[in-house]
Amino acid sequence: MIFRRAFASAFALALAILMLACGFAMAATLAINVGGERSLTTEQLLARPDAAIIRVPNDVTFHRTMTYRAVPLRALLGITEMPAGKELQVSATDGFVTHFSAKLLFGDGRKRAEPWLAIESPDEPWPQVPGTGDIGPFYVVWIDPAASGVSSEQWPFKVDAFHIAPTLAARFPQIAVDKSVPANSLVRRGKTVFATQCIVCHKLNGAGDASVGPDLNRPHNPTDYFQPWALKAYIRDPKSIRAWPDMKMPGFDRKAISDSDLDALIAYLGYMAKRKK
């Protein structure tokens, strides 16, 4: 009797593990909607003839050189240009949403950054990221990112979908700067920084697709309760100001946001603090 119970328990555990593994495989599906809806599994992506082993120096997430099995993103999407007034929206299972402009994705010169979709094989899982854990199964990485000015927030992981959407400016007039603001103003530059680095996690005046962090203007803007030095320190290293076990915001060093861009971002936030729409 004891043996039978032990055997039954072991069998149940093995079955549960098998079901969990099957569930993981089923969940590893990528949705692509760029003129026709497709869903591709990990196995289908790894079996593509253009899948290759690539080496990524200075990987943004792991902060070291990484090697991945990946497919070229442009070939995967199957398009050579973006419709006018549109951009590629990339969403992740953790609520992160970033956007690739036509210029970023396709370039306007001979030399350009090359985007790849890295694919995590169930047999060779990627390392865990401190504070984040598993980043698979799909991760957009770049070869020669400096050639196109790729930002740190344009390396999305836990990716689950690509689709074409109207530009942020067209969809979310709430984040716009008034026409009276000079073209060379820090505020305008800060709006560009916000649209690249911040809206991937935060909304502003309810505008944005992401749901990782809170709205940065409603009910209160960070400039309402942070002194300038404290807000800069918080963006550079959140834990230097406040910390809690489940905090998600990473720090942005000078490679991610330069000192001048940080000043511009804070100028934009201060400007928007008076425009809680």
C-alpha atoms as a PDB file:
ATOM      1  CA  MET A   1       0.000   0.000   0.000  1.00  0.00           C
ATOM      2  CA  ILE A   2       2.768   2.417   0.924  1.00  0.00           C
ATOM      3  CA  PHE A   3       4.601   1.590  -2.304  1.00  0.00           C
ATOM      4  CA  ARG A   4       1.456   2.183  -4.358  1.00  0.00           C
ATOM      5  CA  ARG A   5       0.875   5.543  -2.694  1.00  0.00           C
ATOM      6  CA  ALA A   6       4.487   6.573  -3.277  1.00  0.00           C
ATOM      7  CA  PHE A   7       4.262   5.459  -6.892  1.00  0.00           C
ATOM      8  CA  ALA A   8       0.994   7.365  -7.365  1.00  0.00           C
ATOM      9  CA  SER A   9       2.493  10.497  -5.843  1.00  0.00           C
ATOM     10  CA  ALA A  10       5.580  10.247  -8.031  1.00  0.00           C
ATOM     11  CA  PHE A  11       3.420   9.687 -11.104  1.00  0.00           C
ATOM     12  CA  ALA A  12       1.235  12.683 -10.250  1.00  0.00           C
ATOM     13  CA  LEU A  13       4.303  14.868  -9.781  1.00  0.00           C
ATOM     14  CA  ALA A  14       5.778  13.733 -13.098  1.00  0.00           C
ATOM     15  CA  LEU A  15       2.464  14.374 -14.833  1.00  0.00           C
ATOM     16  CA  ALA A  16       2.246  17.852 -13.317  1.00  0.00           C
ATOM     17  CA  ILE A  17       5.758  18.674 -14.485  1.00  0.00           C
ATOM     18  CA  LEU A  18       4.932  17.395 -17.964  1.00  0.00           C
ATOM     19  CA  MET A  19       1.753  19.463 -18.102  1.00  0.00           C
ATOM     20  CA  LEU A  20       3.654  22.520 -16.914  1.00  0.00           C
ATOM     21  CA  ALA A  21       6.262  21.988 -19.627  1.00  0.00           C
ATOM     22  CA  CYS A  22       3.556  21.580 -22.245  1.00  0.00           C
ATOM     23  CA  GLY A  23       1.860  24.717 -20.987  1.00  0.00           C
ATOM     24  CA  PHE A  24       5.151  26.627 -21.303  1.00  0.00           C
ATOM     25  CA  ALA A  25       5.579  25.420 -24.863  1.00  0.00           C
ATOM     26  CA  MET A  26       2.032  26.390 -25.748  1.00  0.00           C
ATOM     27  CA  ALA A  27       2.487  29.829 -24.172  1.00  0.00           C
ATOM     28  CA  ALA A  28       5.623  30.532 -26.206  1.00  0.00           C
ATOM     29  CA  THR A  29       3.756  31.972 -29.154  1.00  0.00           C
ATOM     30  CA  LEU A  30       4.528  35.216 -30.963  1.00  0.00           C
ATOM     31  CA  ALA A  31       1.780  37.245 -32.625  1.00  0.00           C
ATOM     32  CA  ILE A  32       2.630  39.307 -35.715  1.00  0.00           C
ATOM     33  CA  ASN A  33       0.144  41.679 -37.349  1.00  0.00           C
ATOM     34  CA  VAL A  34       1.795  43.809 -40.021  1.00  0.00           C
ATOM     35  CA  GLY A  35      -0.728  43.427 -42.822  1.00  0.00           C
ATOM     36  CA  GLY A  36      -1.947  39.956 -41.975  1.00  0.00           C
ATOM     37  CA  GLU A  37      -2.190  38.149 -38.645  1.00  0.00           C
ATOM     38  CA  ARG A  38       0.221  35.300 -37.897  1.00  0.00           C
ATOM     39  CA  SER A  39       1.129  33.309 -34.816  1.00  0.00           C
ATOM     40  CA  LEU A  40       4.478  31.553 -34.616  1.00  0.00           C
ATOM     41  CA  THR A  41       5.699  29.160 -31.942  1.00  0.00           C
ATOM     42  CA  THR A  42       9.212  28.858 -30.573  1.00  0.00           C
ATOM     43  CA  GLU A  43       9.698  25.685 -32.583  1.00  0.00           C
ATOM     44  CA  GLN A  44       8.568  27.331 -35.826  1.00  0.00           C
ATOM     45  CA  LEU A  45      10.857  30.302 -35.290  1.00  0.00           C
ATOM     46  CA  LEU A  46      13.877  28.149 -34.478  1.00  0.00           C
ATOM     47  CA  ALA A  47      13.204  26.072 -37.615  1.00  0.00           C
ATOM     48  CA  ARG A  48      13.283  29.081 -39.977  1.00  0.00           C
ATOM     49  CA  PRO A  49      16.051  28.801 -42.598  1.00  0.00           C
ATOM     50  CA  ASP A  50      17.324  32.275 -41.696  1.00  0.00           C
ATOM     51  CA  ALA A  51      17.728  31.420 -37.990  1.00  0.00           C
ATOM     52  CA  ALA A  52      21.368  31.919 -37.013  1.00  0.00           C
ATOM     53  CA  ILE A  53      23.710  32.072 -34.060  1.00  0.00           C
ATOM     54  CA  ILE A  54      24.556  35.733 -33.418  1.00  0.00           C
ATOM     55  CA  ARG A  55      26.961  37.410 -31.018  1.00  0.00           C
ATOM     56  CA  VAL A  56      25.729  40.596 -29.321  1.00  0.00           C
ATOM     57  CA  PRO A  57      28.441  42.723 -27.698  1.00  0.00           C
ATOM     58  CA  ASN A  58      27.388  44.881 -24.726  1.00  0.00           C
ATOM     59  CA  ASP A  59      23.929  43.369 -24.441  1.00  0.00           C
ATOM     60  CA  VAL A  60      21.725  45.987 -22.742  1.00  0.00           C
ATOM     61  CA  THR A  61      19.981  43.529 -20.431  1.00  0.00           C
ATOM     62  CA  PHE A  62      22.885  41.295 -19.416  1.00  0.00           C
ATOM     63  CA  HIS A  63      25.602  43.996 -19.611  1.00  0.00           C
ATOM     64  CA  ARG A  64      28.022  41.651 -21.339  1.00  0.00           C
ATOM     65  CA  THR A  65      28.540  39.882 -24.641  1.00  0.00           C
ATOM     66  CA  MET A  66      25.794  37.328 -25.286  1.00  0.00           C
ATOM     67  CA  THR A  67      25.205  34.653 -27.918  1.00  0.00           C
ATOM     68  CA  TYR A  68      21.696  33.897 -29.166  1.00  0.00           C
ATOM     69  CA  ARG A  69      19.820  31.787 -31.669  1.00  0.00           C
ATOM     70  CA  ALA A  70      17.911  34.495 -33.550  1.00  0.00           C
ATOM     71  CA  VAL A  71      16.119  35.482 -36.743  1.00  0.00           C
ATOM     72  CA  PRO A  72      16.505  38.835 -38.545  1.00  0.00           C
ATOM     73  CA  LEU A  73      13.548  40.969 -37.497  1.00  0.00           C
ATOM     74  CA  ARG A  74      12.998  42.687 -40.834  1.00  0.00           C
ATOM     75  CA  ALA A  75      12.806  39.343 -42.633  1.00  0.00           C
ATOM     76  CA  LEU A  76      10.488  37.986 -39.943  1.00  0.00           C
ATOM     77  CA  LEU A  77       8.099  40.914 -40.337  1.00  0.00           C
ATOM     78  CA  GLY A  78       8.167  40.514 -44.113  1.00  0.00           C
ATOM     79  CA  ILE A  79       7.938  44.228 -44.909  1.00  0.00           C
ATOM     80  CA  THR A  80      10.463  46.668 -46.376  1.00  0.00           C
ATOM     81  CA  GLU A  81       8.832  49.938 -45.370  1.00  0.00           C
ATOM     82  CA  MET A  82       6.329  51.379 -42.931  1.00  0.00           C
ATOM     83  CA  PRO A  83       3.045  52.971 -44.042  1.00  0.00           C
ATOM     84  CA  ALA A  84       2.993  56.757 -43.676  1.00  0.00           C
ATOM     85  CA  GLY A  85       2.128  57.883 -40.171  1.00  0.00           C
ATOM     86  CA  LYS A  86       2.694  54.418 -38.710  1.00  0.00           C
ATOM     87  CA  GLU A  87       5.292  52.686 -36.536  1.00  0.00           C
ATOM     88  CA  LEU A  88       5.958  49.206 -35.223  1.00  0.00           C
ATOM     89  CA  GLN A  89       4.561  48.580 -31.751  1.00  0.00           C
ATOM     90  CA  VAL A  90       6.257  45.875 -29.710  1.00  0.00           C
ATOM     91  CA  SER A  91       4.444  44.582 -26.625  1.00  0.00           C
ATOM     92  CA  ALA A  92       5.594  42.279 -23.839  1.00  0.00           C
ATOM     93  CA  THR A  93       3.834  40.008 -21.382  1.00  0.00           C
ATOM     94  CA  ASP A  94       4.861  42.197 -18.415  1.00  0.00           C
ATOM     95  CA  GLY A  95       3.020  45.271 -19.742  1.00  0.00           C
ATOM     96  CA  PHE A  96       6.038  46.898 -21.400  1.00  0.00           C
ATOM     97  CA  VAL A  97       5.320  48.503 -24.796  1.00  0.00           C
ATOM     98  CA  THR A  98       7.888  50.137 -27.048  1.00  0.00           C
ATOM     99  CA  HIS A  99       7.780  51.577 -30.550  1.00  0.00           C
ATOM    100  CA  PHE A 100      10.125  51.454 -33.542  1.00  0.00           C
ATOM    101  CA  SER A 101       9.811  54.290 -36.017  1.00  0.00           C
ATOM    102  CA  ALA A 102      10.161  53.684 -39.739  1.00  0.00           C
ATOM    103  CA  LYS A 103      13.521  55.463 -39.640  1.00  0.00           C
ATOM    104  CA  LEU A 104      14.784  53.304 -36.778  1.00  0.00           C
ATOM    105  CA  LEU A 105      13.589  50.045 -38.300  1.00  0.00           C
ATOM    106  CA  PHE A 106      14.550  50.607 -41.922  1.00  0.00           C
ATOM    107  CA  GLY A 107      17.118  53.406 -41.752  1.00  0.00           C
ATOM    108  CA  ASP A 108      17.827  56.137 -44.238  1.00  0.00           C
ATOM    109  CA  GLY A 109      21.471  55.424 -45.018  1.00  0.00           C
ATOM    110  CA  ARG A 110      23.895  52.670 -45.990  1.00  0.00           C
ATOM    111  CA  LYS A 111      24.936  51.935 -42.408  1.00  0.00           C
ATOM    112  CA  ARG A 112      22.176  51.041 -39.958  1.00  0.00           C
ATOM    113  CA  ALA A 113      21.589  49.007 -36.817  1.00  0.00           C
ATOM    114  CA  GLU A 114      20.382  45.465 -37.398  1.00  0.00           C
ATOM    115  CA  PRO A 115      17.458  44.194 -35.259  1.00  0.00           C
ATOM    116  CA  TRP A 116      17.167  40.483 -34.470  1.00  0.00           C
ATOM    117  CA  LEU A 117      14.594  38.494 -32.560  1.00  0.00           C
ATOM    118  CA  ALA A 118      16.434  36.252 -30.111  1.00  0.00           C
ATOM    119  CA  ILE A 119      14.573  33.014 -29.344  1.00  0.00           C
ATOM    120  CA  GLU A 120      14.994  31.117 -26.098  1.00  0.00           C
ATOM    121  CA  SER A 121      15.090  27.382 -26.641  1.00  0.00           C
ATOM    122  CA  PRO A 122      13.388  25.313 -23.901  1.00  0.00           C
ATOM    123  CA  ASP A 123      16.500  23.116 -23.934  1.00  0.00           C
ATOM    124  CA  GLU A 124      18.886  26.057 -23.408  1.00  0.00           C
ATOM    125  CA  PRO A 125      17.238  28.648 -21.155  1.00  0.00           C
ATOM    126  CA  TRP A 126      18.869  32.061 -20.851  1.00  0.00           C
ATOM    127  CA  PRO A 127      20.377  33.203 -17.535  1.00  0.00           C
ATOM    128  CA  GLN A 128      18.095  34.848 -15.005  1.00  0.00           C
ATOM    129  CA  VAL A 129      18.369  38.645 -14.748  1.00  0.00           C
ATOM    130  CA  PRO A 130      18.769  39.970 -11.175  1.00  0.00           C
ATOM    131  CA  GLY A 131      15.565  41.675 -10.099  1.00  0.00           C
ATOM    132  CA  THR A 132      13.770  40.568 -13.263  1.00  0.00           C
ATOM    133  CA  GLY A 133      14.147  36.817 -13.546  1.00  0.00           C
ATOM    134  CA  ASP A 134      13.345  35.086 -16.823  1.00  0.00           C
ATOM    135  CA  ILE A 135      13.284  37.413 -19.846  1.00  0.00           C
ATOM    136  CA  GLY A 136      12.281  34.841 -22.468  1.00  0.00           C
ATOM    137  CA  PRO A 137      11.071  33.485 -24.697  1.00  0.00           C
ATOM    138  CA  PHE A 138      11.523  36.338 -27.230  1.00  0.00           C
ATOM    139  CA  TYR A 139      13.875  39.324 -26.996  1.00  0.00           C
ATOM    140  CA  VAL A 140      14.702  42.034 -29.559  1.00  0.00           C
ATOM    141  CA  VAL A 141      18.456  42.610 -29.717  1.00  0.00           C
ATOM    142  CA  TRP A 142      20.522  44.874 -31.958  1.00  0.00           C
ATOM    143  CA  ILE A 143      23.794  44.585 -33.812  1.00  0.00           C
ATOM    144  CA  ASP A 144      25.599  47.953 -34.030  1.00  0.00           C
ATOM    145  CA  PRO A 145      22.826  49.870 -32.210  1.00  0.00           C
ATOM    146  CA  ALA A 146      24.808  53.137 -32.215  1.00  0.00           C
ATOM    147  CA  ALA A 147      24.482  53.339 -36.012  1.00  0.00           C
ATOM    148  CA  SER A 148      20.776  54.165 -35.638  1.00  0.00           C
ATOM    149  CA  GLY A 149      20.710  55.666 -32.141  1.00  0.00           C
ATOM    150  CA  VAL A 150      18.905  52.720 -30.567  1.00  0.00           C
ATOM    151  CA  SER A 151      17.979  53.512 -26.961  1.00  0.00           C
ATOM    152  CA  SER A 152      18.196  51.169 -23.979  1.00  0.00           C
ATOM    153  CA  GLU A 153      14.396  50.892 -23.905  1.00  0.00           C
ATOM    154  CA  GLN A 154      14.281  49.621 -27.472  1.00  0.00           C
ATOM    155  CA  TRP A 155      15.630  46.202 -26.447  1.00  0.00           C
ATOM    156  CA  PRO A 156      12.299  44.688 -25.317  1.00  0.00           C
ATOM    157  CA  PHE A 157      12.230  41.229 -23.749  1.00  0.00           C
ATOM    158  CA  LYS A 158       9.313  38.929 -22.896  1.00  0.00           C
ATOM    159  CA  VAL A 159       7.976  40.009 -26.288  1.00  0.00           C
ATOM    160  CA  ASP A 160       4.617  38.561 -27.258  1.00  0.00           C
ATOM    161  CA  ALA A 161       3.443  40.671 -30.216  1.00  0.00           C
ATOM    162  CA  PHE A 162       4.404  42.976 -33.074  1.00  0.00           C
ATOM    163  CA  HIS A 163       1.893  45.101 -34.878  1.00  0.00           C
ATOM    164  CA  ILE A 164       1.688  48.298 -36.921  1.00  0.00           C
ATOM    165  CA  ALA A 165       0.034  51.233 -35.169  1.00  0.00           C
ATOM    166  CA  PRO A 166      -0.357  54.980 -35.700  1.00  0.00           C
ATOM    167  CA  THR A 167       2.510  57.014 -34.259  1.00  0.00           C
ATOM    168  CA  LEU A 168       2.438  58.043 -30.611  1.00  0.00           C
ATOM    169  CA  ALA A 169       2.004  61.684 -31.604  1.00  0.00           C
ATOM    170  CA  ALA A 170      -1.082  60.836 -33.681  1.00  0.00           C
ATOM    171  CA  ARG A 171      -2.688  58.627 -31.030  1.00  0.00           C
ATOM    172  CA  PHE A 172      -1.844  60.613 -27.920  1.00  0.00           C
ATOM    173  CA  PRO A 173      -2.109  64.399 -28.324  1.00  0.00           C
ATOM    174  CA  GLN A 174      -2.056  64.597 -24.481  1.00  0.00           C
ATOM    175  CA  ILE A 175       1.746  64.318 -24.531  1.00  0.00           C
ATOM    176  CA  ALA A 176       2.266  67.046 -27.129  1.00  0.00           C
ATOM    177  CA  VAL A 177       4.076  70.331 -26.523  1.00  0.00           C
ATOM    178  CA  ASP A 178       2.322  73.579 -27.464  1.00  0.00           C
ATOM    179  CA  LYS A 179       3.271  75.175 -30.780  1.00  0.00           C
ATOM    180  CA  SER A 180       4.414  78.279 -28.917  1.00  0.00           C
ATOM    181  CA  VAL A 181       7.330  76.368 -27.370  1.00  0.00           C
ATOM    182  CA  PRO A 182      10.537  77.165 -29.349  1.00  0.00           C
ATOM    183  CA  ALA A 183      11.947  74.417 -31.558  1.00  0.00           C
ATOM    184  CA  ASN A 184      15.255  74.418 -29.653  1.00  0.00           C
ATOM    185  CA  SER A 185      13.601  74.280 -26.218  1.00  0.00           C
ATOM    186  CA  LEU A 186      14.688  71.724 -23.631  1.00  0.00           C
ATOM    187  CA  VAL A 187      10.996  70.906 -23.251  1.00  0.00           C
ATOM    188  CA  ARG A 188      10.717  69.672 -26.846  1.00  0.00           C
ATOM    189  CA  ARG A 189      13.867  67.621 -26.489  1.00  0.00           C
ATOM    190  CA  GLY A 190      12.531  66.212 -23.230  1.00  0.00           C
ATOM    191  CA  LYS A 191       9.316  65.137 -24.910  1.00  0.00           C
ATOM    192  CA  THR A 192      11.387  63.057 -27.348  1.00  0.00           C
ATOM    193  CA  VAL A 193      13.265  61.460 -24.437  1.00  0.00           C
ATOM    194  CA  PHE A 194       9.977  60.716 -22.685  1.00  0.00           C
ATOM    195  CA  ALA A 195       8.474  59.135 -25.811  1.00  0.00           C
ATOM    196  CA  THR A 196      11.516  56.886 -26.221  1.00  0.00           C
ATOM    197  CA  GLN A 197      12.520  56.031 -22.669  1.00  0.00           C
ATOM    198  CA  CYS A 198       9.527  56.541 -20.384  1.00  0.00           C
ATOM    199  CA  ILE A 199       6.260  55.849 -22.184  1.00  0.00           C
ATOM    200  CA  VAL A 200       7.366  52.231 -22.615  1.00  0.00           C
ATOM    201  CA  CYS A 201       6.427  51.719 -18.952  1.00  0.00           C
ATOM    202  CA  HIS A 202       4.418  54.800 -17.930  1.00  0.00           C
ATOM    203  CA  LYS A 203       1.374  56.667 -19.123  1.00  0.00           C
ATOM    204  CA  LEU A 204       1.124  60.466 -19.007  1.00  0.00           C
ATOM    205  CA  ASN A 205      -2.281  62.150 -18.755  1.00  0.00           C
ATOM    206  CA  GLY A 206      -3.689  58.698 -19.473  1.00  0.00           C
ATOM    207  CA  ALA A 207      -1.784  58.514 -22.774  1.00  0.00           C
ATOM    208  CA  GLY A 208       0.225  55.411 -23.584  1.00  0.00           C
ATOM    209  CA  ASP A 209      -0.140  51.658 -23.981  1.00  0.00           C
ATOM    210  CA  ALA A 210       2.111  50.398 -21.184  1.00  0.00           C
ATOM    211  CA  SER A 211       1.021  49.364 -17.708  1.00  0.00           C
ATOM    212  CA  VAL A 212       4.257  48.681 -15.838  1.00  0.00           C
ATOM    213  CA  GLY A 213       4.496  51.921 -13.861  1.00  0.00           C
ATOM    214  CA  PRO A 214       2.130  54.701 -12.767  1.00  0.00           C
ATOM    215  CA  ASP A 215       0.924  57.684 -14.768  1.00  0.00           C
ATOM    216  CA  LEU A 216       3.586  60.400 -14.556  1.00  0.00           C
ATOM    217  CA  ASN A 217       1.208  63.348 -14.471  1.00  0.00           C
ATOM    218  CA  ARG A 218      -2.012  62.239 -12.814  1.00  0.00           C
ATOM    219  CA  PRO A 219      -2.768  62.702 -10.031  1.00  0.00           C
ATOM    220  CA  HIS A 220       0.693  64.166  -9.392  1.00  0.00           C
ATOM    221  CA  ASN A 221       3.761  64.757 -11.517  1.00  0.00           C
ATOM    222  CA  PRO A 222       7.142  63.694 -10.048  1.00  0.00           C
ATOM    223  CA  THR A 223       8.233  67.342 -10.164  1.00  0.00           C
ATOM    224  CA  ASP A 224       5.406  68.087  -7.691  1.00  0.00           C
ATOM    225  CA  TYR A 225       7.037  66.110  -4.888  1.00  0.00           C
ATOM    226  CA  PHE A 226      10.700  65.568  -5.882  1.00  0.00           C
ATOM    227  CA  GLN A 227      13.299  68.288  -5.627  1.00  0.00           C
ATOM    228  CA  PRO A 228      15.295  68.441  -8.893  1.00  0.00           C
ATOM    229  CA  TRP A 229      18.378  66.777  -7.388  1.00  0.00           C
ATOM    230  CA  ALA A 230      16.259  63.976  -5.909  1.00  0.00           C
ATOM    231  CA  LEU A 231      14.403  63.331  -9.168  1.00  0.00           C
ATOM    232  CA  LYS A 232      17.696  63.118 -11.061  1.00  0.00           C
ATOM    233  CA  ALA A 233      19.086  60.738  -8.442  1.00  0.00           C
ATOM    234  CA  TYR A 234      15.920  58.638  -8.566  1.00  0.00           C
ATOM    235  CA  ILE A 235      16.098  58.253 -12.358  1.00  0.00           C
ATOM    236  CA  ARG A 236      19.800  57.404 -12.215  1.00  0.00           C
ATOM    237  CA  ASP A 237      19.428  54.936  -9.318  1.00  0.00           C
ATOM    238  CA  PRO A 238      15.919  54.491  -7.870  1.00  0.00           C
ATOM    239  CA  LYS A 239      17.188  52.538  -4.867  1.00  0.00           C
ATOM    240  CA  SER A 240      19.288  55.502  -3.784  1.00  0.00           C
ATOM    241  CA  ILE A 241      16.073  57.359  -2.938  1.00  0.00           C
ATOM    242  CA  ARG A 242      13.624  54.623  -1.996  1.00  0.00           C
ATOM    243  CA  ALA A 243      13.513  50.863  -2.298  1.00  0.00           C
ATOM    244  CA  TRP A 244      11.033  48.030  -1.780  1.00  0.00           C
ATOM    245  CA  PRO A 245      11.112  44.314  -2.670  1.00  0.00           C
ATOM    246  CA  ASP A 246       8.907  44.479  -5.768  1.00  0.00           C
ATOM    247  CA  MET A 247      10.203  47.683  -7.317  1.00  0.00           C
ATOM    248  CA  LYS A 248      10.587  47.356 -11.089  1.00  0.00           C
ATOM    249  CA  MET A 249      12.125  50.607 -12.289  1.00  0.00           C
ATOM    250  CA  PRO A 250      15.747  50.217 -13.391  1.00  0.00           C
ATOM    251  CA  GLY A 251      18.329  52.935 -13.106  1.00  0.00           C
ATOM    252  CA  PHE A 252      19.326  54.881 -16.230  1.00  0.00           C
ATOM    253  CA  ASP A 253      23.028  55.561 -16.412  1.00  0.00           C
ATOM    254  CA  ARG A 254      24.649  58.143 -18.692  1.00  0.00           C
ATOM    255  CA  LYS A 255      24.850  55.642 -21.541  1.00  0.00           C
ATOM    256  CA  ALA A 256      21.070  55.256 -21.430  1.00  0.00           C
ATOM    257  CA  ILE A 257      20.189  58.914 -20.774  1.00  0.00           C
ATOM    258  CA  SER A 258      22.864  61.594 -21.006  1.00  0.00           C
ATOM    259  CA  ASP A 259      23.005  64.413 -18.449  1.00  0.00           C
ATOM    260  CA  SER A 260      21.649  66.873 -21.017  1.00  0.00           C
ATOM    261  CA  ASP A 261      18.805  64.528 -21.979  1.00  0.00           C
ATOM    262  CA  LEU A 262      17.997  64.041 -18.295  1.00  0.00           C
ATOM    263  CA  ASP A 263      17.773  67.807 -17.828  1.00  0.00           C
ATOM    264  CA  ALA A 264      15.501  67.971 -20.873  1.00  0.00           C
ATOM    265  CA  LEU A 265      13.278  65.165 -19.558  1.00  0.00           C
ATOM    266  CA  ILE A 266      12.832  66.922 -16.220  1.00  0.00           C
ATOM    267  CA  ALA A 267      12.067  70.186 -18.042  1.00  0.00           C
ATOM    268  CA  TYR A 268       9.354  68.377 -20.017  1.00  0.00           C
ATOM    269  CA  LEU A 269       7.861  66.801 -16.900  1.00  0.00           C
ATOM    270  CA  GLY A 270       7.809  70.207 -15.209  1.00  0.00           C
ATOM    271  CA  TYR A 271       6.077  71.656 -18.263  1.00  0.00           C
ATOM    272  CA  MET A 272       3.467  68.887 -18.277  1.00  0.00           C
ATOM    273  CA  ALA A 273       2.855  69.279 -14.535  1.00  0.00           C
ATOM    274  CA  LYS A 274       0.835  72.388 -15.444  1.00  0.00           C
ATOM    275  CA  ARG A 275      -1.094  70.502 -18.102  1.00  0.00           C
ATOM    276  CA  LYS A 276      -2.973  67.720 -16.347  1.00  0.00           C
ATOM    277  CA  LYS A 277      -5.489  66.991 -19.091  1.00  0.00           C
END
